[in-house]
Protein backbone atom coordinates (compact mmCIF):
# COMPACT_ATOMS: atom_id res chain seq x y z
CA MET A 1 -0.70 -27.08 -3.53
CA VAL A 2 -4.25 -28.28 -4.08
CA GLY A 3 -4.39 -32.07 -4.36
CA LYS A 4 -1.15 -32.71 -2.46
CA LYS A 5 -1.31 -35.64 -0.05
CA VAL A 6 -0.42 -35.08 3.60
CA LEU A 7 -0.11 -37.93 6.08
CA VAL A 8 -0.99 -36.90 9.67
CA VAL A 9 0.34 -39.23 12.38
CA ASP A 10 -0.62 -38.86 16.05
CA ASP A 11 -1.99 -41.23 18.69
CA ASP A 12 -4.49 -38.59 19.83
CA VAL A 13 -7.67 -38.81 17.75
CA LYS A 14 -8.76 -35.23 18.49
CA THR A 15 -5.39 -33.85 17.35
CA VAL A 16 -5.55 -35.83 14.12
CA GLU A 17 -9.08 -34.65 13.39
CA LEU A 18 -8.21 -31.00 14.12
CA VAL A 19 -5.17 -31.05 11.84
CA LYS A 20 -7.14 -32.90 9.18
CA LEU A 21 -9.88 -30.26 9.30
CA TYR A 22 -7.49 -27.37 8.70
CA LEU A 23 -5.47 -29.12 5.99
CA SER A 24 -8.62 -30.28 4.19
CA ARG A 25 -9.83 -26.66 4.10
CA ASP A 26 -6.62 -25.83 2.25
CA GLY A 27 -7.39 -28.44 -0.39
CA TYR A 28 -5.03 -31.22 0.70
CA GLN A 29 -5.83 -34.92 0.59
CA VAL A 30 -5.31 -36.01 4.19
CA LEU A 31 -4.26 -39.51 5.21
CA THR A 32 -4.30 -40.44 8.91
CA ALA A 33 -2.44 -42.89 11.14
CA TYR A 34 -2.36 -43.38 14.91
CA ASP A 35 0.84 -45.41 15.41
CA GLY A 36 4.28 -45.79 13.87
CA VAL A 37 3.60 -49.09 12.11
CA GLU A 38 0.56 -47.71 10.28
CA ALA A 39 2.47 -44.53 9.47
CA LEU A 40 5.23 -46.50 7.74
CA ARG A 41 2.70 -48.61 5.84
CA LEU A 42 0.82 -45.60 4.51
CA ALA A 43 4.03 -43.76 3.68
CA ARG A 44 5.24 -46.71 1.61
CA GLU A 45 1.93 -47.50 -0.07
CA ARG A 46 0.39 -44.04 -0.61
CA HIS A 47 3.53 -41.91 -1.12
CA PRO A 48 2.38 -38.70 0.61
CA ASP A 49 3.90 -35.37 -0.37
CA LEU A 50 4.47 -34.45 3.30
CA ILE A 51 4.13 -36.08 6.72
CA VAL A 52 3.06 -34.41 9.97
CA LEU A 53 4.57 -36.75 12.56
CA ASP A 54 4.09 -36.93 16.32
CA LEU A 55 7.13 -38.17 18.25
CA MET A 56 5.38 -40.07 21.04
CA LEU A 57 3.72 -42.94 19.18
CA PRO A 58 2.84 -46.49 20.24
CA GLY A 59 4.71 -49.34 18.58
CA ILE A 60 7.43 -47.39 16.79
CA ASP A 61 8.06 -43.86 18.03
CA GLY A 62 8.20 -40.85 15.73
CA LEU A 63 11.97 -40.48 15.81
CA GLU A 64 12.43 -44.07 14.65
CA VAL A 65 9.74 -43.61 11.99
CA CYS A 66 11.59 -40.54 10.73
CA ARG A 67 14.92 -42.41 10.72
CA ILE A 68 13.42 -45.30 8.73
CA LEU A 69 11.70 -42.97 6.27
CA ARG A 70 14.90 -41.04 5.68
CA GLY A 71 16.55 -44.28 4.62
CA GLU A 72 13.81 -44.85 2.06
CA SER A 73 12.71 -41.45 0.73
CA ASP A 74 13.14 -37.68 0.98
CA VAL A 75 9.47 -36.97 1.83
CA PRO A 76 9.25 -33.75 3.91
CA VAL A 77 8.50 -34.31 7.60
CA ILE A 78 7.11 -31.83 10.12
CA MET A 79 7.43 -33.14 13.65
CA LEU A 80 4.55 -32.37 16.01
CA THR A 81 5.23 -33.09 19.66
CA ALA A 82 4.83 -32.13 23.30
CA ARG A 83 8.58 -32.48 23.78
CA THR A 84 10.00 -28.98 24.05
CA ARG A 85 13.63 -29.58 25.04
CA ASP A 86 16.25 -28.32 22.60
CA GLU A 87 17.84 -31.77 22.60
CA ASP A 88 14.64 -33.34 21.29
CA LYS A 89 14.30 -30.70 18.60
CA LEU A 90 17.91 -31.11 17.51
CA THR A 91 17.54 -34.89 17.43
CA GLY A 92 14.48 -34.63 15.20
CA LEU A 93 16.11 -32.16 12.85
CA SER A 94 19.31 -34.20 12.72
CA LEU A 95 17.28 -37.20 11.58
CA GLY A 96 16.09 -35.16 8.62
CA ALA A 97 12.88 -33.47 9.80
CA ASP A 98 12.10 -30.31 7.84
CA ASP A 99 10.33 -28.46 10.66
CA TYR A 100 9.34 -28.91 14.29
CA VAL A 101 6.10 -27.73 15.96
CA THR A 102 5.50 -28.10 19.70
CA LYS A 103 2.21 -28.74 21.49
CA PRO A 104 0.01 -26.94 22.33
CA PHE A 105 0.00 -25.55 18.82
CA SER A 106 -2.04 -23.34 16.54
CA PRO A 107 -3.60 -25.44 13.76
CA ARG A 108 -3.51 -22.34 11.53
CA GLU A 109 0.23 -22.02 12.10
CA LEU A 110 0.75 -25.71 11.40
CA ALA A 111 -1.18 -25.41 8.13
CA ALA A 112 1.00 -22.43 7.22
CA ARG A 113 4.14 -24.41 7.94
CA VAL A 114 2.87 -27.24 5.72
CA ARG A 115 2.42 -24.78 2.88
CA ALA A 116 5.83 -23.24 3.52
CA VAL A 117 7.63 -26.60 3.44
CA LEU A 118 5.84 -27.69 0.27
CA ARG A 119 6.70 -24.38 -1.41
CA ARG A 120 10.38 -25.12 -0.86
CA LEU A 121 10.18 -28.30 -2.91
CA PRO A 122 11.66 -28.24 -6.43
CA GLY A 123 9.12 -26.94 -8.91
CA GLU A 124 6.88 -25.45 -6.21
CA ARG A 125 8.18 -21.87 -6.16
CA GLY A 126 5.79 -20.72 -8.84
CA PRO A 127 6.27 -18.45 -11.85
CA ASP A 128 8.32 -15.25 -11.81
CA GLU A 129 5.48 -13.32 -13.44
CA VAL A 130 1.73 -13.84 -13.63
CA LYS A 131 -0.73 -12.10 -15.94
CA TYR A 132 -4.50 -12.16 -15.81
CA GLY A 133 -6.68 -9.94 -17.91
CA ARG A 134 -4.99 -6.54 -17.87
CA PHE A 135 -3.27 -7.27 -14.56
CA SER A 136 0.41 -8.18 -14.44
CA VAL A 137 2.48 -9.09 -11.36
CA ASN A 138 6.24 -9.58 -11.61
CA PHE A 139 7.52 -11.23 -8.44
CA LEU A 140 11.20 -10.91 -9.27
CA ARG A 141 11.06 -7.14 -9.85
CA HIS A 142 8.28 -6.62 -7.28
CA GLU A 143 6.25 -4.68 -9.86
CA ALA A 144 2.53 -4.71 -10.60
CA SER A 145 0.57 -3.03 -13.35
CA PHE A 146 -2.93 -2.68 -14.76
CA ALA A 147 -3.39 -2.00 -18.48
CA LYS A 148 0.41 -1.54 -18.60
CA LYS A 149 0.22 1.30 -16.06
CA PRO A 150 2.30 0.78 -12.89
CA LEU A 151 0.44 0.30 -9.63
CA ASN A 152 1.90 1.97 -6.56
CA LEU A 153 1.32 -0.76 -3.96
CA THR A 154 2.57 -1.37 -0.46
CA THR A 155 4.31 -4.67 0.25
CA VAL A 156 1.15 -6.19 1.73
CA GLU A 157 -1.00 -4.95 -1.16
CA PHE A 158 1.49 -6.38 -3.66
CA LYS A 159 1.41 -9.78 -1.93
CA LEU A 160 -2.39 -9.77 -1.87
CA LEU A 161 -2.66 -8.93 -5.55
CA GLY A 162 -0.13 -11.66 -6.33
CA VAL A 163 -2.19 -14.20 -4.41
CA PHE A 164 -5.38 -13.21 -6.22
CA VAL A 165 -3.88 -13.10 -9.72
CA LYS A 166 -2.29 -16.52 -9.31
CA GLU A 167 -5.66 -18.14 -8.58
CA PRO A 168 -8.51 -16.06 -10.01
CA GLY A 169 -11.92 -17.27 -8.95
CA ARG A 170 -10.68 -19.04 -5.84
CA VAL A 171 -12.19 -17.93 -2.52
CA PHE A 172 -9.54 -17.12 0.11
CA SER A 173 -10.45 -16.93 3.77
CA ARG A 174 -9.16 -14.03 5.86
CA ALA A 175 -6.86 -16.45 7.69
CA GLU A 176 -5.31 -17.62 4.41
CA LEU A 177 -4.75 -14.05 3.22
CA ILE A 178 -3.19 -13.08 6.54
CA GLU A 179 -0.75 -16.00 6.31
CA LYS A 180 0.19 -15.20 2.73
CA ALA A 181 0.47 -11.42 3.10
CA LEU A 182 1.42 -10.90 6.74
CA GLY A 183 2.96 -14.21 7.80
CA TYR A 184 1.65 -17.07 9.91
CA ASP A 185 3.10 -15.53 13.08
CA PHE A 186 0.97 -12.38 12.73
CA GLU A 187 -0.79 -11.79 16.05
CA GLY A 188 -3.35 -9.15 15.08
CA PHE A 189 -7.02 -9.54 14.27
CA ASP A 190 -8.44 -11.32 11.22
CA ARG A 191 -10.27 -8.12 10.29
CA THR A 192 -6.90 -6.40 9.77
CA ILE A 193 -6.87 -7.92 6.29
CA ASP A 194 -10.10 -6.04 5.48
CA VAL A 195 -8.24 -2.74 5.80
CA HIS A 196 -5.57 -3.86 3.35
CA ILE A 197 -8.23 -5.11 0.93
CA LEU A 198 -10.01 -1.76 1.15
CA ASN A 199 -6.77 0.11 0.39
CA LEU A 200 -6.02 -2.22 -2.52
CA ARG A 201 -9.50 -1.69 -3.93
CA ARG A 202 -8.96 2.07 -3.85
CA LYS A 203 -5.99 1.58 -6.16
CA LEU A 204 -7.60 -0.96 -8.50
CA GLU A 205 -11.30 -0.34 -8.68
CA PRO A 206 -13.07 2.31 -10.79
CA ASP A 207 -15.59 2.49 -7.92
CA PRO A 208 -14.28 0.93 -4.67
CA SER A 209 -17.80 0.93 -3.20
CA GLN A 210 -18.88 -1.38 -6.04
CA PRO A 211 -15.81 -3.63 -6.45
CA ARG A 212 -15.38 -5.14 -9.86
CA TYR A 213 -12.24 -7.21 -9.31
CA ILE A 214 -11.85 -8.11 -5.62
CA LYS A 215 -15.21 -9.49 -4.59
CA THR A 216 -16.41 -10.16 -1.06
CA VAL A 217 -17.82 -13.65 -0.54
CA HIS A 218 -19.98 -13.22 2.55
CA GLY A 219 -19.14 -15.67 5.30
CA ALA A 220 -16.14 -17.02 3.40
CA GLY A 221 -13.64 -14.30 2.44
CA TYR A 222 -12.56 -12.75 -0.85
CA LYS A 223 -11.97 -13.77 -4.43
CA PHE A 224 -10.56 -12.16 -7.55
CA SER A 225 -13.38 -11.83 -10.07
CA GLU A 226 -13.36 -12.79 -13.71
CA VAL A 227 -12.16 -9.91 -15.87
CA SER A 228 -12.84 -11.33 -19.30
CA SER A 229 -14.52 -8.11 -20.33
CA ASP A 230 -11.19 -6.33 -19.86
CA THR A 231 -9.11 -8.65 -22.00
């Protein structure tokens, strides 16, 4: 998903900046607009991969922007609005919106929904199997192995290993790992992921107290270390 362009449209500057902050942390290029006219211009000129669109906009409202866009492209749209009535939601979805988030909202949840919508696009599902060093993760068969020996992992541990093996060297925050392994609607504590990481280390590491593969990046999160010496 890194490098994808997301257009954020809202007439509230603070909302735009908050959403931009969270999406930028995830590696997206973020474009911003504060009214419907500017939103249409940027959509036509910059061709974003996804649009986060407020409904209550000056000039041209979000519903009309969505209707116009749907006549011109199939760019995914997530509607972001204070309107909570079912009729408003159904109207937005009937115009072709891909998702609908109501205010007040969790920026972490919104970022997760952006990732989820982009993953549904053709070519975004990812490979059926990933190998790195002596690690192998088969997502179709839900099997993982190290040096061709099966790893007995829980569902959460399997998801975490899959995340790490797909992007070795990348630092993942606890919030990102929670979303990927537990779901964006998880309501526990961020530190919950530390327990799952500890359990995964016990199954992977020769010495879990001195982790060789899953490294802690203090103040940032975790990353999967280089394992070139094992190849």
